[in-house]
Amino acid sequence: MFSRRVIVMRKSDRRPRRAESRATRWPRSGVFAFGLLLGACTDASGPSSVINLRTEVTPATVTTGDTVVFRAILTNPGARNLETGSACGPPVLFEVRGSTGELIYPIPLDATFTCERRDVHELEPGESDTVVTRWRVTASAGGYSVRSGFRGDKGLERLTSPIALTIK
């Protein structure tokens, strides 16, 4: 079905010359059309660009030593199944920032995660799934913000609006 090409170089000529096998060869227009079809079936900006994401924090007021629960709720508003990311770890992570913007509680992107496929890695049309993280508060009293975002190559992407967290 696919052609097999061998590049033959002559000593006197540095330009490659093709020696074709007798296998059936796809016309270039067919390969181009296949590429267009494949491109039309995928979202160039990735599934995270269509998935709705929101963050919840419970409770919103805590003291040092308490445990706070962060929830990232992912919803597929579309009509087709969407992949939310690789199976190694959750598709979204959380960050906590202090009032001056310093990062207090990052989950490092290179942290060790289990690589099992979970329900949250695929969203059916209209489905919502939740990623939950519990954090034992170690920060000092003050005002903080919590956001979730999709895991990307260089950090969190499409961060949600900040949710207030008060530590007394």
C-alpha atoms as a PDB file:
ATOM      1  CA  MET A   1       0.000   0.000   0.000  1.00  0.00           C
ATOM      2  CA  PHE A   2       2.804   2.419   0.822  1.00  0.00           C
ATOM      3  CA  SER A   3       5.721   2.941  -1.515  1.00  0.00           C
ATOM      4  CA  ARG A   4       9.211   2.156  -0.412  1.00  0.00           C
ATOM      5  CA  ARG A   5      11.868   4.574  -1.589  1.00  0.00           C
ATOM      6  CA  VAL A   6      15.576   4.027  -1.629  1.00  0.00           C
ATOM      7  CA  ILE A   7      17.949   6.931  -2.168  1.00  0.00           C
ATOM      8  CA  VAL A   8      20.867   6.029  -4.407  1.00  0.00           C
ATOM      9  CA  MET A   9      23.906   8.309  -4.560  1.00  0.00           C
ATOM     10  CA  ARG A  10      26.397   8.183  -7.388  1.00  0.00           C
ATOM     11  CA  LYS A  11      29.972   9.072  -6.563  1.00  0.00           C
ATOM     12  CA  SER A  12      30.063  11.673  -9.317  1.00  0.00           C
ATOM     13  CA  ASP A  13      26.742  13.225  -8.380  1.00  0.00           C
ATOM     14  CA  ARG A  14      25.873  14.551  -4.936  1.00  0.00           C
ATOM     15  CA  ARG A  15      22.178  14.909  -5.816  1.00  0.00           C
ATOM     16  CA  PRO A  16      20.027  11.981  -4.627  1.00  0.00           C
ATOM     17  CA  ARG A  17      18.327   9.810  -7.224  1.00  0.00           C
ATOM     18  CA  ARG A  18      15.329   7.676  -6.333  1.00  0.00           C
ATOM     19  CA  ALA A  19      15.090   3.998  -7.069  1.00  0.00           C
ATOM     20  CA  GLU A  20      11.417   3.099  -6.596  1.00  0.00           C
ATOM     21  CA  SER A  21      10.111  -0.276  -5.603  1.00  0.00           C
ATOM     22  CA  ARG A  22       7.190  -1.879  -7.448  1.00  0.00           C
ATOM     23  CA  ALA A  23       4.846  -1.201  -4.524  1.00  0.00           C
ATOM     24  CA  THR A  24       1.753   0.892  -5.155  1.00  0.00           C
ATOM     25  CA  ARG A  25       2.434   4.580  -4.707  1.00  0.00           C
ATOM     26  CA  TRP A  26      -0.071   7.104  -3.328  1.00  0.00           C
ATOM     27  CA  PRO A  27      -0.475  10.144  -5.531  1.00  0.00           C
ATOM     28  CA  ARG A  28       0.660  13.361  -3.870  1.00  0.00           C
ATOM     29  CA  SER A  29      -2.841  14.827  -4.146  1.00  0.00           C
ATOM     30  CA  GLY A  30      -4.172  11.848  -2.142  1.00  0.00           C
ATOM     31  CA  VAL A  31      -1.606  12.403   0.594  1.00  0.00           C
ATOM     32  CA  PHE A  32      -2.472  16.103   0.654  1.00  0.00           C
ATOM     33  CA  ALA A  33      -6.223  15.362   0.882  1.00  0.00           C
ATOM     34  CA  PHE A  34      -5.577  12.863   3.702  1.00  0.00           C
ATOM     35  CA  GLY A  35      -3.589  15.529   5.558  1.00  0.00           C
ATOM     36  CA  LEU A  36      -6.431  18.039   5.186  1.00  0.00           C
ATOM     37  CA  LEU A  37      -8.942  15.473   6.422  1.00  0.00           C
ATOM     38  CA  LEU A  38      -6.776  14.638   9.428  1.00  0.00           C
ATOM     39  CA  GLY A  39      -6.312  18.339  10.212  1.00  0.00           C
ATOM     40  CA  ALA A  40     -10.064  18.946  10.030  1.00  0.00           C
ATOM     41  CA  CYS A  41     -10.666  16.249  12.663  1.00  0.00           C
ATOM     42  CA  THR A  42      -8.433  17.808  15.284  1.00  0.00           C
ATOM     43  CA  ASP A  43      -8.626  21.158  17.012  1.00  0.00           C
ATOM     44  CA  ALA A  44      -5.415  23.031  16.235  1.00  0.00           C
ATOM     45  CA  SER A  45      -5.445  24.784  19.588  1.00  0.00           C
ATOM     46  CA  GLY A  46      -6.108  21.593  21.534  1.00  0.00           C
ATOM     47  CA  PRO A  47      -9.101  20.312  23.439  1.00  0.00           C
ATOM     48  CA  SER A  48      -8.334  22.461  26.480  1.00  0.00           C
ATOM     49  CA  SER A  49      -9.356  25.511  24.414  1.00  0.00           C
ATOM     50  CA  VAL A  50     -12.974  24.287  24.251  1.00  0.00           C
ATOM     51  CA  ILE A  51     -13.322  22.729  27.700  1.00  0.00           C
ATOM     52  CA  ASN A  52     -14.892  24.981  30.324  1.00  0.00           C
ATOM     53  CA  LEU A  53     -12.865  25.115  33.534  1.00  0.00           C
ATOM     54  CA  ARG A  54     -13.793  26.580  36.901  1.00  0.00           C
ATOM     55  CA  THR A  55     -12.235  26.429  40.383  1.00  0.00           C
ATOM     56  CA  GLU A  56     -13.875  25.950  43.789  1.00  0.00           C
ATOM     57  CA  VAL A  57     -12.256  26.270  47.230  1.00  0.00           C
ATOM     58  CA  THR A  58     -13.797  24.759  50.391  1.00  0.00           C
ATOM     59  CA  PRO A  59     -13.710  26.269  52.973  1.00  0.00           C
ATOM     60  CA  ALA A  60     -12.817  29.801  51.865  1.00  0.00           C
ATOM     61  CA  THR A  61     -11.542  30.766  55.335  1.00  0.00           C
ATOM     62  CA  VAL A  62      -9.103  28.528  57.230  1.00  0.00           C
ATOM     63  CA  THR A  63      -6.356  28.663  59.842  1.00  0.00           C
ATOM     64  CA  THR A  64      -2.806  27.364  59.510  1.00  0.00           C
ATOM     65  CA  GLY A  65      -2.854  23.584  59.916  1.00  0.00           C
ATOM     66  CA  ASP A  66      -6.383  23.172  58.480  1.00  0.00           C
ATOM     67  CA  THR A  67      -7.012  21.302  55.244  1.00  0.00           C
ATOM     68  CA  VAL A  68      -8.580  23.094  52.314  1.00  0.00           C
ATOM     69  CA  VAL A  69     -10.100  21.311  49.293  1.00  0.00           C
ATOM     70  CA  PHE A  70      -9.467  22.609  45.772  1.00  0.00           C
ATOM     71  CA  ARG A  71     -11.751  21.470  42.949  1.00  0.00           C
ATOM     72  CA  ALA A  72     -11.276  22.035  39.231  1.00  0.00           C
ATOM     73  CA  ILE A  73     -14.488  21.314  37.336  1.00  0.00           C
ATOM     74  CA  LEU A  74     -14.035  20.522  33.650  1.00  0.00           C
ATOM     75  CA  THR A  75     -17.092  20.593  31.364  1.00  0.00           C
ATOM     76  CA  ASN A  76     -17.337  19.611  27.712  1.00  0.00           C
ATOM     77  CA  PRO A  77     -19.878  21.975  26.098  1.00  0.00           C
ATOM     78  CA  GLY A  78     -19.406  20.443  22.640  1.00  0.00           C
ATOM     79  CA  ALA A  79     -20.945  17.596  20.694  1.00  0.00           C
ATOM     80  CA  ARG A  80     -17.886  15.291  20.508  1.00  0.00           C
ATOM     81  CA  ASN A  81     -15.631  13.459  22.947  1.00  0.00           C
ATOM     82  CA  LEU A  82     -12.588  15.441  24.051  1.00  0.00           C
ATOM     83  CA  GLU A  83      -9.251  14.224  25.396  1.00  0.00           C
ATOM     84  CA  THR A  84      -8.142  16.348  28.353  1.00  0.00           C
ATOM     85  CA  GLY A  85      -4.463  15.414  28.343  1.00  0.00           C
ATOM     86  CA  SER A  86      -2.001  12.618  28.779  1.00  0.00           C
ATOM     87  CA  ALA A  87      -2.751   9.824  31.205  1.00  0.00           C
ATOM     88  CA  CYS A  88       0.232  10.724  33.406  1.00  0.00           C
ATOM     89  CA  GLY A  89      -1.328  12.864  36.071  1.00  0.00           C
ATOM     90  CA  PRO A  90      -4.360  15.085  36.177  1.00  0.00           C
ATOM     91  CA  PRO A  91      -5.114  17.335  33.183  1.00  0.00           C
ATOM     92  CA  VAL A  92      -5.317  20.380  35.474  1.00  0.00           C
ATOM     93  CA  LEU A  93      -3.285  21.586  38.448  1.00  0.00           C
ATOM     94  CA  PHE A  94      -3.725  24.259  41.120  1.00  0.00           C
ATOM     95  CA  GLU A  95      -1.703  27.225  42.293  1.00  0.00           C
ATOM     96  CA  VAL A  96      -2.013  29.379  45.414  1.00  0.00           C
ATOM     97  CA  ARG A  97      -0.586  32.898  45.329  1.00  0.00           C
ATOM     98  CA  GLY A  98      -0.047  35.410  48.107  1.00  0.00           C
ATOM     99  CA  SER A  99      -1.351  38.984  48.068  1.00  0.00           C
ATOM    100  CA  THR A 100       1.868  40.223  46.419  1.00  0.00           C
ATOM    101  CA  GLY A 101       1.724  37.550  43.690  1.00  0.00           C
ATOM    102  CA  GLU A 102       4.323  35.132  45.088  1.00  0.00           C
ATOM    103  CA  LEU A 103       3.657  31.477  44.381  1.00  0.00           C
ATOM    104  CA  ILE A 104       2.896  29.719  47.689  1.00  0.00           C
ATOM    105  CA  TYR A 105       1.627  26.290  46.746  1.00  0.00           C
ATOM    106  CA  PRO A 106       2.602  25.142  43.294  1.00  0.00           C
ATOM    107  CA  ILE A 107       2.254  21.543  42.248  1.00  0.00           C
ATOM    108  CA  PRO A 108       5.417  21.081  40.185  1.00  0.00           C
ATOM    109  CA  LEU A 109       4.756  19.954  36.632  1.00  0.00           C
ATOM    110  CA  ASP A 110       7.557  17.403  36.884  1.00  0.00           C
ATOM    111  CA  ALA A 111       6.042  15.766  39.971  1.00  0.00           C
ATOM    112  CA  THR A 112       5.614  12.015  39.867  1.00  0.00           C
ATOM    113  CA  PHE A 113       2.093  11.039  38.902  1.00  0.00           C
ATOM    114  CA  THR A 114       0.623   7.641  38.259  1.00  0.00           C
ATOM    115  CA  CYS A 115       0.128   7.004  34.563  1.00  0.00           C
ATOM    116  CA  GLU A 116      -3.189   5.247  34.695  1.00  0.00           C
ATOM    117  CA  ARG A 117      -5.986   6.462  32.448  1.00  0.00           C
ATOM    118  CA  ARG A 118      -8.919   7.875  34.406  1.00  0.00           C
ATOM    119  CA  ASP A 119     -12.398   9.083  33.579  1.00  0.00           C
ATOM    120  CA  VAL A 120     -11.266  12.713  33.759  1.00  0.00           C
ATOM    121  CA  HIS A 121      -8.920  12.175  30.775  1.00  0.00           C
ATOM    122  CA  GLU A 122     -11.872  11.966  28.388  1.00  0.00           C
ATOM    123  CA  LEU A 123     -15.001  14.101  28.478  1.00  0.00           C
ATOM    124  CA  GLU A 124     -18.113  13.038  26.627  1.00  0.00           C
ATOM    125  CA  PRO A 125     -20.443  15.711  25.191  1.00  0.00           C
ATOM    126  CA  GLY A 126     -22.083  17.626  28.039  1.00  0.00           C
ATOM    127  CA  GLU A 127     -20.095  15.735  30.699  1.00  0.00           C
ATOM    128  CA  SER A 128     -18.458  17.358  33.722  1.00  0.00           C
ATOM    129  CA  ASP A 129     -15.611  15.818  35.716  1.00  0.00           C
ATOM    130  CA  THR A 130     -13.792  17.097  38.775  1.00  0.00           C
ATOM    131  CA  VAL A 131     -10.130  17.030  39.802  1.00  0.00           C
ATOM    132  CA  VAL A 132      -9.765  17.324  43.587  1.00  0.00           C
ATOM    133  CA  THR A 133      -6.679  18.223  45.627  1.00  0.00           C
ATOM    134  CA  ARG A 134      -6.418  18.643  49.384  1.00  0.00           C
ATOM    135  CA  TRP A 135      -3.843  21.037  50.825  1.00  0.00           C
ATOM    136  CA  ARG A 136      -2.783  21.161  54.457  1.00  0.00           C
ATOM    137  CA  VAL A 137      -2.319  24.891  54.987  1.00  0.00           C
ATOM    138  CA  THR A 138       1.243  25.801  55.917  1.00  0.00           C
ATOM    139  CA  ALA A 139       1.143  29.469  54.898  1.00  0.00           C
ATOM    140  CA  SER A 140       0.850  32.333  57.363  1.00  0.00           C
ATOM    141  CA  ALA A 141      -2.256  34.448  57.941  1.00  0.00           C
ATOM    142  CA  GLY A 142      -3.343  36.661  55.066  1.00  0.00           C
ATOM    143  CA  GLY A 143      -5.250  36.850  51.815  1.00  0.00           C
ATOM    144  CA  TYR A 144      -4.473  34.389  49.018  1.00  0.00           C
ATOM    145  CA  SER A 145      -5.857  33.438  45.620  1.00  0.00           C
ATOM    146  CA  VAL A 146      -6.375  29.974  44.171  1.00  0.00           C
ATOM    147  CA  ARG A 147      -6.559  29.168  40.453  1.00  0.00           C
ATOM    148  CA  SER A 148      -6.528  26.037  38.348  1.00  0.00           C
ATOM    149  CA  GLY A 149      -5.164  25.671  34.848  1.00  0.00           C
ATOM    150  CA  PHE A 150      -4.497  23.088  32.169  1.00  0.00           C
ATOM    151  CA  ARG A 151      -1.069  21.475  32.224  1.00  0.00           C
ATOM    152  CA  GLY A 152       1.035  22.784  29.356  1.00  0.00           C
ATOM    153  CA  ASP A 153       4.602  22.499  28.119  1.00  0.00           C
ATOM    154  CA  LYS A 154       5.732  25.637  29.945  1.00  0.00           C
ATOM    155  CA  GLY A 155       3.417  25.671  32.947  1.00  0.00           C
ATOM    156  CA  LEU A 156      -0.271  26.139  33.555  1.00  0.00           C
ATOM    157  CA  GLU A 157      -2.368  27.423  30.663  1.00  0.00           C
ATOM    158  CA  ARG A 158      -5.831  29.006  30.544  1.00  0.00           C
ATOM    159  CA  LEU A 159      -5.830  29.763  34.260  1.00  0.00           C
ATOM    160  CA  THR A 160      -9.239  30.357  35.819  1.00  0.00           C
ATOM    161  CA  SER A 161     -10.234  33.564  37.588  1.00  0.00           C
ATOM    162  CA  PRO A 162      -8.735  33.697  41.094  1.00  0.00           C
ATOM    163  CA  ILE A 163     -10.802  32.450  44.036  1.00  0.00           C
ATOM    164  CA  ALA A 164     -10.168  34.132  47.400  1.00  0.00           C
ATOM    165  CA  LEU A 165      -8.726  32.089  50.262  1.00  0.00           C
ATOM    166  CA  THR A 166      -8.307  33.697  53.673  1.00  0.00           C
ATOM    167  CA  ILE A 167      -5.937  32.217  56.226  1.00  0.00           C
ATOM    168  CA  LYS A 168      -6.500  33.472  59.800  1.00  0.00           C
END
